[in-house]
N, C-alpha and C. Protein backbone atom coordinates (compact mmCIF):
# COMPACT_ATOMS: atom_id res chain seq x y z
N MET A 1 70.34 88.11 94.82
CA MET A 1 71.14 88.92 93.78
C MET A 1 71.25 87.88 92.21
N MET A 2 71.47 86.93 92.57
CA MET A 2 72.12 85.89 91.27
C MET A 2 71.31 84.42 91.31
N ASP A 3 71.12 83.77 90.46
CA ASP A 3 70.39 82.87 90.26
C ASP A 3 71.24 81.54 90.73
N ASP A 4 70.83 80.40 90.99
CA ASP A 4 71.44 79.31 91.72
C ASP A 4 72.38 78.77 90.46
N ARG A 5 72.05 78.86 89.24
CA ARG A 5 73.26 78.37 88.21
C ARG A 5 74.39 79.36 88.33
N LYS A 6 74.15 80.50 88.33
CA LYS A 6 75.39 81.44 88.32
C LYS A 6 76.27 81.37 89.44
N THR A 7 75.24 80.97 91.14
CA THR A 7 76.41 80.89 92.05
C THR A 7 77.06 79.49 92.25
N ALA A 8 76.81 78.57 91.32
CA ALA A 8 77.15 77.33 91.43
C ALA A 8 78.76 77.52 90.60
N VAL A 9 78.27 78.14 89.14
CA VAL A 9 79.65 78.60 88.69
C VAL A 9 80.46 79.40 89.05
N TYR A 10 80.17 80.28 90.30
CA TYR A 10 81.15 81.41 90.92
C TYR A 10 81.99 80.11 91.69
N SER A 11 81.44 79.17 92.34
CA SER A 11 82.11 78.39 93.45
C SER A 11 83.26 77.39 92.74
N SER A 12 83.09 77.14 91.17
CA SER A 12 83.58 76.00 90.50
C SER A 12 85.33 76.70 90.38
N LYS A 13 85.92 75.92 90.34
CA LYS A 13 87.57 76.28 89.92
C LYS A 13 87.87 76.70 88.87
N ARG A 14 87.09 76.84 87.71
CA ARG A 14 87.02 77.55 86.67
C ARG A 14 86.56 79.01 87.10
N ASN A 15 85.92 79.41 87.90
CA ASN A 15 85.65 80.37 88.23
C ASN A 15 86.64 81.62 88.86
N SER A 16 87.25 80.66 89.83
CA SER A 16 88.44 81.14 90.69
C SER A 16 89.69 81.68 89.66
N ALA A 17 89.83 80.95 88.51
CA ALA A 17 90.65 81.45 87.76
C ALA A 17 90.20 82.90 86.77
N PHE A 18 89.02 82.57 86.99
CA PHE A 18 88.25 83.72 86.01
C PHE A 18 88.45 85.32 86.95
N PHE A 19 88.50 84.89 88.36
CA PHE A 19 88.44 86.13 89.22
C PHE A 19 89.86 86.59 88.83
N LEU A 20 90.82 85.72 89.09
CA LEU A 20 91.92 85.79 89.01
C LEU A 20 92.51 86.64 87.62
N ARG A 21 92.14 86.24 86.41
CA ARG A 21 91.96 86.92 85.07
C ARG A 21 91.54 88.26 85.25
N TRP A 22 90.38 88.55 85.96
CA TRP A 22 89.89 89.85 86.00
C TRP A 22 90.56 90.43 86.87
N THR A 23 91.23 90.28 88.10
CA THR A 23 92.10 90.75 88.79
C THR A 23 93.19 91.84 87.93
N LEU A 24 93.89 90.46 87.47
CA LEU A 24 95.33 90.90 87.09
C LEU A 24 95.61 91.33 85.39
N TYR A 25 95.79 92.23 85.23
CA TYR A 25 95.81 92.28 83.37
C TYR A 25 97.45 92.86 83.11
N ALA A 26 97.47 93.30 81.62
CA ALA A 26 98.75 94.27 81.26
C ALA A 26 98.25 95.07 80.65
N GLN A 27 98.81 96.24 80.74
CA GLN A 27 98.55 97.74 80.62
C GLN A 27 99.40 98.21 79.01
N VAL A 28 98.75 98.72 78.20
CA VAL A 28 99.35 99.13 76.89
C VAL A 28 99.23 100.47 76.80
N SER A 29 100.07 101.53 76.64
CA SER A 29 99.61 103.06 76.37
C SER A 29 99.17 102.89 74.89
N VAL A 30 98.13 103.92 74.62
CA VAL A 30 97.67 104.00 73.70
C VAL A 30 96.86 105.34 73.67
N SER A 31 97.94 106.05 73.26
CA SER A 31 97.48 107.70 73.03
C SER A 31 97.69 108.17 74.41
N GLY A 32 98.43 107.64 75.60
CA GLY A 32 98.51 108.25 76.70
C GLY A 32 97.34 107.64 77.90
N ILE A 33 96.52 107.09 77.34
CA ILE A 33 95.70 106.04 78.02
C ILE A 33 95.73 104.48 78.28
N SER A 34 95.48 104.30 79.43
CA SER A 34 95.71 102.56 79.58
C SER A 34 94.97 101.97 78.93
N GLU A 35 94.73 100.86 78.28
CA GLU A 35 94.24 99.98 77.65
C GLU A 35 94.10 98.74 78.13
N LEU A 36 93.29 98.16 79.02
CA LEU A 36 93.30 96.69 79.86
C LEU A 36 93.23 95.69 78.88
N ASN A 37 93.86 94.66 78.93
CA ASN A 37 94.06 93.43 78.22
C ASN A 37 93.88 92.16 79.11
N VAL A 38 93.23 91.31 78.63
CA VAL A 38 92.89 90.22 79.49
C VAL A 38 94.27 89.34 79.01
N ARG A 39 94.66 88.40 80.30
CA ARG A 39 95.94 87.68 80.16
C ARG A 39 95.64 86.14 80.63
N THR A 40 95.82 85.23 80.03
CA THR A 40 95.27 83.62 80.45
C THR A 40 95.95 83.36 81.71
N ALA A 41 95.39 82.41 82.42
CA ALA A 41 96.30 81.91 83.38
C ALA A 41 97.22 80.62 82.98
N MET A 42 97.25 80.35 81.88
CA MET A 42 97.80 79.26 81.25
C MET A 42 99.32 79.89 80.57
N SER A 43 99.40 81.36 80.55
CA SER A 43 100.37 81.74 79.68
C SER A 43 101.77 81.65 80.68
N ARG A 44 102.70 81.83 80.13
CA ARG A 44 104.22 80.78 80.72
C ARG A 44 105.45 82.31 80.70
N PHE A 45 105.98 82.22 81.76
CA PHE A 45 106.93 82.89 81.95
C PHE A 45 108.15 82.41 80.65
N LEU A 46 109.01 83.42 80.35
CA LEU A 46 109.92 83.42 79.16
C LEU A 46 111.51 83.47 80.01
N ALA A 47 112.39 83.08 79.18
CA ALA A 47 113.91 82.84 79.36
C ALA A 47 114.18 81.89 80.65
N VAL A 48 113.12 81.17 80.98
CA VAL A 48 113.23 80.41 81.95
C VAL A 48 112.45 78.91 81.64
N THR A 49 112.57 78.18 82.40
CA THR A 49 111.63 76.68 81.95
C THR A 49 110.39 76.92 81.70
N ASN A 50 109.52 76.23 80.79
CA ASN A 50 108.28 76.81 80.48
C ASN A 50 107.43 76.21 81.20
N THR A 51 107.48 75.74 82.46
CA THR A 51 106.58 75.02 83.31
C THR A 51 106.23 75.91 84.42
N ILE A 52 106.68 77.19 84.33
CA ILE A 52 106.17 78.34 85.03
C ILE A 52 104.82 79.14 84.72
N ARG A 53 103.88 79.14 85.23
CA ARG A 53 102.84 79.71 84.24
C ARG A 53 102.45 80.95 85.11
N ARG A 54 101.57 81.84 84.25
CA ARG A 54 100.95 82.99 85.01
C ARG A 54 99.71 82.53 86.28
N ALA A 55 99.51 81.56 86.09
CA ALA A 55 98.70 81.28 87.20
C ALA A 55 99.44 80.64 88.36
N ASP A 56 100.98 80.26 88.31
CA ASP A 56 101.54 80.13 89.46
C ASP A 56 101.80 81.32 90.29
N PHE A 57 102.20 82.31 89.56
CA PHE A 57 102.31 83.78 90.39
C PHE A 57 100.86 84.03 90.83
N TRP A 58 99.80 83.96 90.11
CA TRP A 58 98.77 84.15 90.73
C TRP A 58 98.30 83.69 91.99
N SER A 59 98.50 82.48 92.40
CA SER A 59 98.35 81.49 93.76
C SER A 59 99.58 81.90 94.54
N TRP A 60 100.52 82.07 94.27
CA TRP A 60 101.47 82.56 95.34
C TRP A 60 101.15 84.33 95.69
N ALA A 61 100.36 84.85 94.89
CA ALA A 61 100.50 86.29 95.66
C ALA A 61 98.78 86.98 95.86
N TYR A 62 98.21 85.56 95.62
CA TYR A 62 96.84 86.14 95.67
C TYR A 62 95.91 85.14 96.44
N SER A 63 96.40 84.16 97.16
CA SER A 63 95.57 83.06 97.86
C SER A 63 94.95 83.46 98.87
N ASP A 64 95.52 84.64 99.68
CA ASP A 64 94.95 84.76 100.41
C ASP A 64 94.03 86.22 100.78
N LEU A 65 92.68 85.67 100.48
CA LEU A 65 91.72 86.71 100.22
C LEU A 65 91.33 86.95 101.56
N VAL A 66 91.71 86.90 102.74
CA VAL A 66 91.52 87.36 103.76
C VAL A 66 91.84 88.84 104.08
N GLY A 67 93.30 88.80 103.42
CA GLY A 67 93.78 90.48 103.38
C GLY A 67 93.19 91.28 103.04
N ASN A 68 93.63 92.64 103.27
CA ASN A 68 92.45 93.79 102.97
C ASN A 68 92.11 94.21 101.54
N THR A 69 93.63 93.88 100.65
CA THR A 69 93.88 94.25 99.39
C THR A 69 93.04 93.34 98.57
N GLU A 70 93.08 92.11 98.83
CA GLU A 70 92.45 91.18 98.07
C GLU A 70 91.30 90.88 98.40
N CYS A 71 90.73 90.98 99.53
CA CYS A 71 89.35 90.96 100.02
C CYS A 71 88.46 92.07 99.35
N GLY A 72 89.13 93.28 99.29
CA GLY A 72 88.46 94.26 98.57
C GLY A 72 88.39 93.96 96.85
N LYS A 73 89.40 93.38 96.45
CA LYS A 73 89.06 93.14 94.87
C LYS A 73 88.35 91.94 94.80
N LEU A 74 88.12 91.16 95.63
CA LEU A 74 87.10 89.94 95.38
C LEU A 74 85.63 90.37 95.53
N ALA A 75 85.67 91.69 96.54
CA ALA A 75 84.33 92.13 96.57
C ALA A 75 83.78 93.08 95.22
N GLU A 76 84.80 93.54 94.50
CA GLU A 76 84.81 94.15 93.56
C GLU A 76 84.20 93.12 92.38
N PHE A 77 84.86 92.17 92.23
CA PHE A 77 84.48 91.26 91.36
C PHE A 77 83.15 90.71 91.47
N ILE A 78 82.76 90.38 92.83
CA ILE A 78 81.30 89.61 93.16
C ILE A 78 80.08 90.63 92.77
N VAL A 79 80.47 92.12 93.01
CA VAL A 79 79.35 93.11 92.21
C VAL A 79 79.62 92.86 91.05
N SER A 80 80.61 92.88 90.32
CA SER A 80 80.79 92.79 88.92
C SER A 80 79.89 91.78 88.41
N LEU A 81 79.82 90.66 89.10
CA LEU A 81 78.80 89.13 88.51
C LEU A 81 77.56 89.79 88.94
N VAL A 82 77.40 90.37 89.75
CA VAL A 82 76.01 90.49 90.10
C VAL A 82 75.38 91.71 89.15
N MET A 83 76.11 92.40 88.64
CA MET A 83 75.75 93.50 87.67
C MET A 83 75.78 92.99 86.36
N ASN A 84 76.47 91.60 86.06
CA ASN A 84 76.63 91.39 84.54
C ASN A 84 77.74 91.82 83.74
N CYS A 85 78.67 92.28 84.65
CA CYS A 85 79.98 92.91 83.85
C CYS A 85 80.98 92.75 84.00
N SER A 86 81.14 91.22 84.33
CA SER A 86 82.41 90.58 85.10
C SER A 86 83.36 90.22 83.80
N ASP A 87 82.99 90.42 82.76
CA ASP A 87 83.48 89.65 81.31
C ASP A 87 84.74 90.24 81.08
N GLY A 88 84.73 91.87 81.43
CA GLY A 88 86.26 92.37 81.20
C GLY A 88 87.48 92.43 82.37
N VAL A 89 87.93 92.68 82.30
CA VAL A 89 89.19 93.16 83.48
C VAL A 89 88.77 94.21 84.53
N SER A 90 89.33 94.12 85.91
CA SER A 90 89.76 95.14 86.61
C SER A 90 90.50 96.49 86.39
N GLU A 91 90.30 97.46 86.43
CA GLU A 91 90.79 98.71 86.40
C GLU A 91 91.63 99.21 87.50
N ALA A 92 93.02 98.95 87.62
CA ALA A 92 93.33 99.55 89.17
C ALA A 92 93.26 101.12 89.45
N TRP A 93 93.51 102.13 88.25
CA TRP A 93 93.28 103.31 88.64
C TRP A 93 92.01 104.38 88.30
N GLY A 94 91.07 103.56 88.19
CA GLY A 94 89.79 104.05 87.88
C GLY A 94 89.28 104.92 88.78
N ALA A 95 88.46 106.20 88.35
CA ALA A 95 87.83 106.78 89.16
C ALA A 95 86.70 106.14 90.35
N PHE A 96 86.33 105.07 89.39
CA PHE A 96 85.06 104.26 90.48
C PHE A 96 85.57 102.62 90.09
N ASP A 97 84.92 101.73 90.58
CA ASP A 97 85.20 100.35 90.82
C ASP A 97 84.52 99.64 89.59
N VAL A 98 83.07 99.89 89.51
CA VAL A 98 82.46 99.14 88.15
C VAL A 98 81.76 99.72 87.40
N LEU A 99 81.62 99.53 86.43
CA LEU A 99 80.44 100.31 85.36
C LEU A 99 79.70 99.13 84.97
N SER A 100 78.32 99.59 85.26
CA SER A 100 77.40 98.69 85.27
C SER A 100 77.00 98.64 83.31
N PRO A 101 76.45 97.68 82.73
CA PRO A 101 75.81 97.87 81.31
C PRO A 101 74.98 99.05 80.96
N GLU A 102 74.42 99.42 82.02
CA GLU A 102 73.36 100.59 82.18
C GLU A 102 74.09 101.84 82.16
N GLY A 103 75.56 101.89 82.59
CA GLY A 103 76.26 103.21 82.61
C GLY A 103 76.58 103.51 83.99
N THR A 104 75.83 102.86 84.83
CA THR A 104 75.84 103.28 86.16
C THR A 104 77.23 102.94 86.94
N LYS A 105 78.21 104.21 87.47
CA LYS A 105 79.30 104.23 88.07
C LYS A 105 79.25 103.70 89.72
N ILE A 106 79.93 102.60 89.66
CA ILE A 106 79.45 101.69 91.41
C ILE A 106 80.84 102.10 92.12
N GLU A 107 80.87 102.41 93.09
CA GLU A 107 81.90 102.31 94.17
C GLU A 107 82.08 101.23 95.22
N VAL A 108 82.77 100.30 95.16
CA VAL A 108 82.78 99.25 95.97
C VAL A 108 83.53 99.16 97.19
N LYS A 109 83.06 99.27 98.21
CA LYS A 109 83.75 99.04 99.77
C LYS A 109 83.53 98.02 100.51
N THR A 110 84.42 97.75 101.29
CA THR A 110 84.70 96.36 101.88
C THR A 110 84.96 96.29 103.45
N SER A 111 84.46 95.43 103.74
CA SER A 111 84.98 95.37 105.58
C SER A 111 84.45 93.87 106.01
N ALA A 112 85.13 93.72 107.07
CA ALA A 112 85.33 92.38 107.49
C ALA A 112 85.50 92.00 109.06
N TYR A 113 84.88 91.43 109.67
CA TYR A 113 85.11 91.13 111.28
C TYR A 113 86.50 90.53 111.11
N LEU A 114 86.94 89.54 110.71
CA LEU A 114 88.14 88.70 110.68
C LEU A 114 89.21 89.30 109.68
N GLN A 115 90.51 89.24 110.10
CA GLN A 115 91.41 89.67 109.53
C GLN A 115 92.71 88.30 109.28
N SER A 116 93.43 88.84 108.29
CA SER A 116 94.63 88.08 108.22
C SER A 116 95.78 87.93 109.36
N TRP A 117 95.68 88.84 110.00
CA TRP A 117 96.65 88.63 111.51
C TRP A 117 95.92 88.31 112.68
N ALA A 118 96.41 87.95 113.53
CA ALA A 118 95.97 87.41 115.16
C ALA A 118 95.09 88.54 115.75
N GLN A 119 93.63 88.20 116.05
CA GLN A 119 93.15 89.01 116.69
C GLN A 119 92.62 88.68 117.64
N THR A 120 92.18 89.72 118.86
CA THR A 120 91.77 89.41 120.42
C THR A 120 90.41 89.48 120.18
N THR A 121 89.75 90.29 119.19
CA THR A 121 88.28 90.37 119.13
C THR A 121 88.36 90.92 117.64
N VAL A 122 87.03 90.75 117.15
CA VAL A 122 86.68 90.98 115.86
C VAL A 122 86.64 92.43 115.38
N SER A 123 86.76 92.66 114.09
CA SER A 123 87.04 94.14 114.22
C SER A 123 85.77 94.86 113.54
N ASP A 124 85.97 96.03 113.84
CA ASP A 124 84.43 97.02 113.39
C ASP A 124 84.26 97.05 112.14
N ILE A 125 83.30 97.19 111.64
CA ILE A 125 82.72 97.40 110.42
C ILE A 125 82.52 98.64 110.08
N ARG A 126 83.70 99.17 109.55
CA ARG A 126 83.52 100.93 108.34
C ARG A 126 84.14 100.47 107.36
N PHE A 127 83.92 101.89 106.70
CA PHE A 127 84.29 101.77 105.59
C PHE A 127 84.68 103.44 105.07
N GLY A 128 85.72 103.31 104.10
CA GLY A 128 86.09 104.87 103.79
C GLY A 128 85.50 105.54 102.91
N VAL A 129 84.97 106.50 103.16
CA VAL A 129 83.89 107.09 102.06
C VAL A 129 84.60 108.54 101.64
N ARG A 130 85.72 108.97 101.67
CA ARG A 130 86.19 110.29 101.56
C ARG A 130 85.83 110.79 99.71
N LYS A 131 85.94 111.80 99.98
CA LYS A 131 86.04 112.38 98.39
C LYS A 131 87.37 112.61 97.81
N THR A 132 87.49 112.76 96.17
CA THR A 132 88.91 112.50 95.78
C THR A 132 88.77 113.03 94.36
N LEU A 133 89.83 113.45 94.15
CA LEU A 133 90.33 113.80 92.75
C LEU A 133 90.29 112.81 91.68
N VAL A 134 90.12 113.18 90.49
CA VAL A 134 90.07 112.02 89.16
C VAL A 134 91.36 112.64 88.28
N TRP A 135 92.08 111.38 88.05
CA TRP A 135 93.08 111.86 87.01
C TRP A 135 92.68 111.94 85.80
N ASP A 136 92.87 113.45 84.98
CA ASP A 136 92.27 113.29 83.58
C ASP A 136 93.33 112.84 82.51
N TYR A 137 93.21 111.66 81.76
CA TYR A 137 94.17 111.51 81.09
C TYR A 137 94.44 112.36 79.71
N ALA A 138 93.18 112.89 79.29
CA ALA A 138 93.14 113.75 78.14
C ALA A 138 94.45 115.34 78.51
N VAL A 139 94.50 116.00 79.77
CA VAL A 139 95.11 116.86 79.98
C VAL A 139 96.37 116.60 80.92
N LYS A 140 96.24 115.07 81.52
CA LYS A 140 97.42 114.98 82.14
C LYS A 140 97.35 115.49 83.45
N GLU A 141 96.31 115.54 84.09
CA GLU A 141 96.43 116.40 85.52
C GLU A 141 95.09 116.12 86.31
N TYR A 142 95.04 116.54 87.64
CA TYR A 142 94.02 115.68 88.24
C TYR A 142 92.72 116.95 88.20
N THR A 143 91.69 116.41 88.14
CA THR A 143 90.65 117.48 87.92
C THR A 143 90.31 118.48 89.29
N LYS A 144 89.91 119.40 89.12
CA LYS A 144 89.86 120.28 90.19
C LYS A 144 88.84 120.20 91.43
N GLN A 145 87.88 119.40 91.12
CA GLN A 145 86.65 119.08 92.21
C GLN A 145 86.91 118.14 92.92
N VAL A 146 86.84 118.17 94.54
CA VAL A 146 87.03 117.22 95.12
C VAL A 146 85.47 116.54 95.24
N MET A 147 85.37 115.19 94.98
CA MET A 147 83.82 114.61 95.15
C MET A 147 83.89 113.22 95.26
N ARG A 148 82.76 112.36 95.45
CA ARG A 148 82.48 111.15 95.42
C ARG A 148 82.11 110.89 93.94
N GLN A 149 83.07 110.05 93.17
CA GLN A 149 82.80 110.04 92.02
C GLN A 149 82.02 109.02 91.19
N ALA A 150 81.45 107.88 92.04
CA ALA A 150 80.54 107.20 91.49
C ALA A 150 79.15 107.52 91.56
N ASP A 151 78.16 107.14 91.14
CA ASP A 151 76.50 106.99 91.16
C ASP A 151 75.91 106.58 92.52
N VAL A 152 76.86 105.34 92.60
CA VAL A 152 76.01 104.18 93.70
C VAL A 152 77.24 103.83 94.39
N TYR A 153 77.25 103.50 95.86
CA TYR A 153 78.00 102.62 96.74
C TYR A 153 77.51 101.43 96.89
N VAL A 154 78.25 100.19 96.86
CA VAL A 154 78.08 99.09 97.45
C VAL A 154 79.01 98.86 98.78
N PHE A 155 78.43 98.64 100.13
CA PHE A 155 79.08 98.35 101.19
C PHE A 155 79.00 96.93 101.35
N CYS A 156 80.04 96.26 101.18
CA CYS A 156 80.24 94.53 101.07
C CYS A 156 80.64 94.24 102.50
N VAL A 157 80.08 93.34 103.15
CA VAL A 157 80.60 92.88 104.46
C VAL A 157 80.74 91.16 104.56
N GLU A 158 82.07 91.08 104.75
CA GLU A 158 81.93 89.36 104.92
C GLU A 158 81.60 89.54 106.55
N ASN A 159 80.62 88.46 106.58
CA ASN A 159 79.85 88.85 108.14
C ASN A 159 80.48 87.40 108.84
N PHE A 160 81.27 86.85 108.60
CA PHE A 160 81.66 85.63 109.18
C PHE A 160 82.43 85.84 110.37
N LYS A 161 82.38 85.44 111.70
CA LYS A 161 82.99 85.82 112.68
C LYS A 161 83.97 84.56 113.30
N GLU A 162 83.56 83.00 112.63
CA GLU A 162 84.73 82.13 113.21
C GLU A 162 85.84 81.97 112.03
N GLN A 163 87.26 82.30 112.76
CA GLN A 163 88.32 81.89 111.77
C GLN A 163 88.37 80.76 110.99
N GLU A 164 88.06 79.48 112.19
CA GLU A 164 88.44 78.49 111.22
C GLU A 164 87.27 77.86 110.42
N LEU A 165 86.50 78.60 110.12
CA LEU A 165 85.44 78.26 109.09
C LEU A 165 85.09 79.38 108.05
N LEU A 166 86.03 80.26 108.01
CA LEU A 166 85.87 81.29 107.29
C LEU A 166 86.26 81.15 105.72
N ASN A 167 85.56 81.39 104.88
CA ASN A 167 85.54 81.13 103.45
C ASN A 167 85.07 82.35 102.39
N GLN A 168 86.00 82.88 102.13
CA GLN A 168 85.61 84.14 101.55
C GLN A 168 85.08 83.72 99.91
N LEU A 169 84.99 82.41 99.39
CA LEU A 169 84.26 82.17 98.15
C LEU A 169 82.97 81.58 98.60
N ASP A 170 82.48 81.48 99.83
CA ASP A 170 81.14 81.16 100.02
C ASP A 170 80.36 82.34 100.26
N LEU A 171 79.71 82.62 99.40
CA LEU A 171 78.64 83.86 99.15
C LEU A 171 77.68 83.90 100.44
N SER A 172 77.50 82.95 100.97
CA SER A 172 76.26 82.81 102.09
C SER A 172 77.13 83.94 103.09
N GLN A 173 78.21 83.86 102.98
CA GLN A 173 79.01 84.92 104.43
C GLN A 173 79.19 86.31 104.05
N TRP A 174 78.53 86.73 102.88
CA TRP A 174 78.77 88.07 102.60
C TRP A 174 77.43 89.04 102.63
N GLU A 175 77.28 90.16 102.86
CA GLU A 175 76.22 91.17 103.04
C GLU A 175 76.49 91.88 101.98
N PHE A 176 75.54 92.71 101.63
CA PHE A 176 75.78 93.91 100.36
C PHE A 176 74.68 94.81 100.78
N TYR A 177 75.14 96.38 101.09
CA TYR A 177 74.34 97.47 101.66
C TYR A 177 74.60 98.46 100.62
N PRO A 178 73.67 98.47 99.44
CA PRO A 178 73.78 99.91 98.25
C PRO A 178 73.46 100.74 98.85
N MET A 179 73.86 101.93 98.53
CA MET A 179 73.48 103.40 98.93
C MET A 179 73.78 104.36 97.80
N ALA A 180 72.73 105.04 97.41
CA ALA A 180 73.25 106.19 96.45
C ALA A 180 74.11 107.26 96.89
N THR A 181 75.02 107.39 95.96
CA THR A 181 75.97 108.36 96.50
C THR A 181 75.13 109.74 96.78
N LYS A 182 74.31 110.18 96.18
CA LYS A 182 73.29 111.48 96.71
C LYS A 182 72.84 111.28 97.96
N THR A 183 72.29 110.43 98.65
CA THR A 183 72.10 109.94 100.06
C THR A 183 73.46 110.22 100.67
N LEU A 184 74.36 109.56 100.55
CA LEU A 184 75.51 109.90 101.29
C LEU A 184 75.99 111.22 101.55
N ASN A 185 76.01 112.14 100.36
CA ASN A 185 76.49 113.55 100.31
C ASN A 185 75.32 114.28 101.28
N GLU A 186 73.83 113.59 101.35
CA GLU A 186 73.07 114.67 102.07
C GLU A 186 73.44 114.42 103.43
N THR A 187 73.71 112.81 103.90
CA THR A 187 73.72 112.47 105.40
C THR A 187 74.85 112.57 105.84
N ILE A 188 76.05 112.27 105.05
CA ILE A 188 77.54 112.10 105.73
C ILE A 188 78.45 113.11 104.96
N ALA A 189 77.86 114.31 104.59
CA ALA A 189 78.86 115.12 103.37
C ALA A 189 80.44 115.12 103.45
N LYS A 190 80.71 115.36 104.92
CA LYS A 190 82.54 115.82 105.16
C LYS A 190 82.76 114.52 105.91
N GLN A 191 82.10 113.37 105.64
CA GLN A 191 83.05 112.12 106.47
C GLN A 191 83.80 111.35 105.83
N LYS A 192 84.91 110.94 106.00
CA LYS A 192 85.71 110.34 105.38
C LYS A 192 85.58 108.68 105.74
N THR A 193 84.88 108.35 106.70
CA THR A 193 84.81 106.75 106.93
C THR A 193 83.31 107.04 107.42
N VAL A 194 82.51 105.72 107.61
CA VAL A 194 81.50 105.72 107.90
C VAL A 194 81.28 104.08 108.48
N GLY A 195 80.53 103.86 109.28
CA GLY A 195 80.15 102.77 110.35
C GLY A 195 79.16 101.86 109.60
N LEU A 196 78.59 100.77 109.77
CA LEU A 196 77.77 100.07 109.14
C LEU A 196 76.40 100.61 109.94
N ILE A 197 76.45 100.75 111.16
CA ILE A 197 75.54 100.92 111.66
C ILE A 197 74.71 102.68 111.33
N THR A 198 75.77 103.04 111.17
CA THR A 198 75.24 104.50 110.69
C THR A 198 74.73 104.45 109.27
N LEU A 199 75.30 103.48 108.67
CA LEU A 199 74.80 103.30 107.25
C LEU A 199 73.09 102.69 107.13
N ILE A 200 72.79 102.01 108.05
CA ILE A 200 71.69 101.03 108.34
C ILE A 200 70.30 102.48 108.70
N ALA A 201 71.17 103.03 109.82
CA ALA A 201 70.29 104.23 110.18
C ALA A 201 69.81 105.11 109.34
N GLN A 202 70.61 105.50 108.21
CA GLN A 202 70.41 106.54 106.87
C GLN A 202 69.85 105.58 105.90
N GLY A 203 69.30 104.55 105.94
CA GLY A 203 68.46 103.72 105.01
C GLY A 203 69.10 102.89 104.16
N ALA A 204 70.15 102.53 104.60
CA ALA A 204 70.90 100.98 103.61
C ALA A 204 70.33 99.59 104.30
N LYS A 205 70.00 98.95 102.86
CA LYS A 205 69.06 97.89 103.31
C LYS A 205 70.24 96.45 103.07
N LYS A 206 69.95 95.57 103.85
CA LYS A 206 70.94 94.50 103.84
C LYS A 206 70.34 93.76 102.49
N CYS A 207 71.07 93.07 101.30
CA CYS A 207 71.08 92.26 100.39
C CYS A 207 71.75 91.11 100.83
N THR A 208 71.45 89.93 100.05
CA THR A 208 72.24 88.64 100.00
C THR A 208 72.67 88.76 98.43
N PHE A 209 73.83 87.71 98.30
CA PHE A 209 74.09 87.35 96.90
C PHE A 209 73.07 87.18 95.92
N ASN A 210 72.11 86.26 96.80
CA ASN A 210 70.81 85.50 96.01
C ASN A 210 69.98 86.60 95.75
N GLU A 211 69.40 87.72 96.42
CA GLU A 211 68.39 88.26 96.29
C GLU A 211 68.33 89.56 95.00
């Protein structure tokens, strides 16, 4: 999915900070619509000693990339890298997760065998695919039609099964299964969740980061 140069950049400390910047943002109300503004890692807390930086909060809050919330956001960032649209920031309440430069709306779903809590066995790989409503900022209410909002789903699997060697930043431990929303609607129209085996049976093909 990506060339070796971009893979090297991703593994660097600089790009770890880039992920945090992409994940966390400030919102400013403009005509009732949220505008996302990038905040740098080096900006500092006010009214206290100026040695406390935004990066200190990021490290405190988001170091556990195995947790469901953080792992999901990391997968969104990885897909954004693949689609060459990671320069902006993550929108928390968007109708979909990633918008490609070509205008393709992408929903990113994540599942993993290993969790941040104690396990007696690895987890099953399942994804949420329920239909949703969208908040319409213009009229300040939800839309009436329940549907899957994206054009494409990318199902991301953190495929490692050895806890002591797990590294969420090792992109060789990830698999990606893209599928058109049209196909999901035709094959599992009413389902709210779907397993990896079912996706593969419906034609989802495994990709790696470098393919």
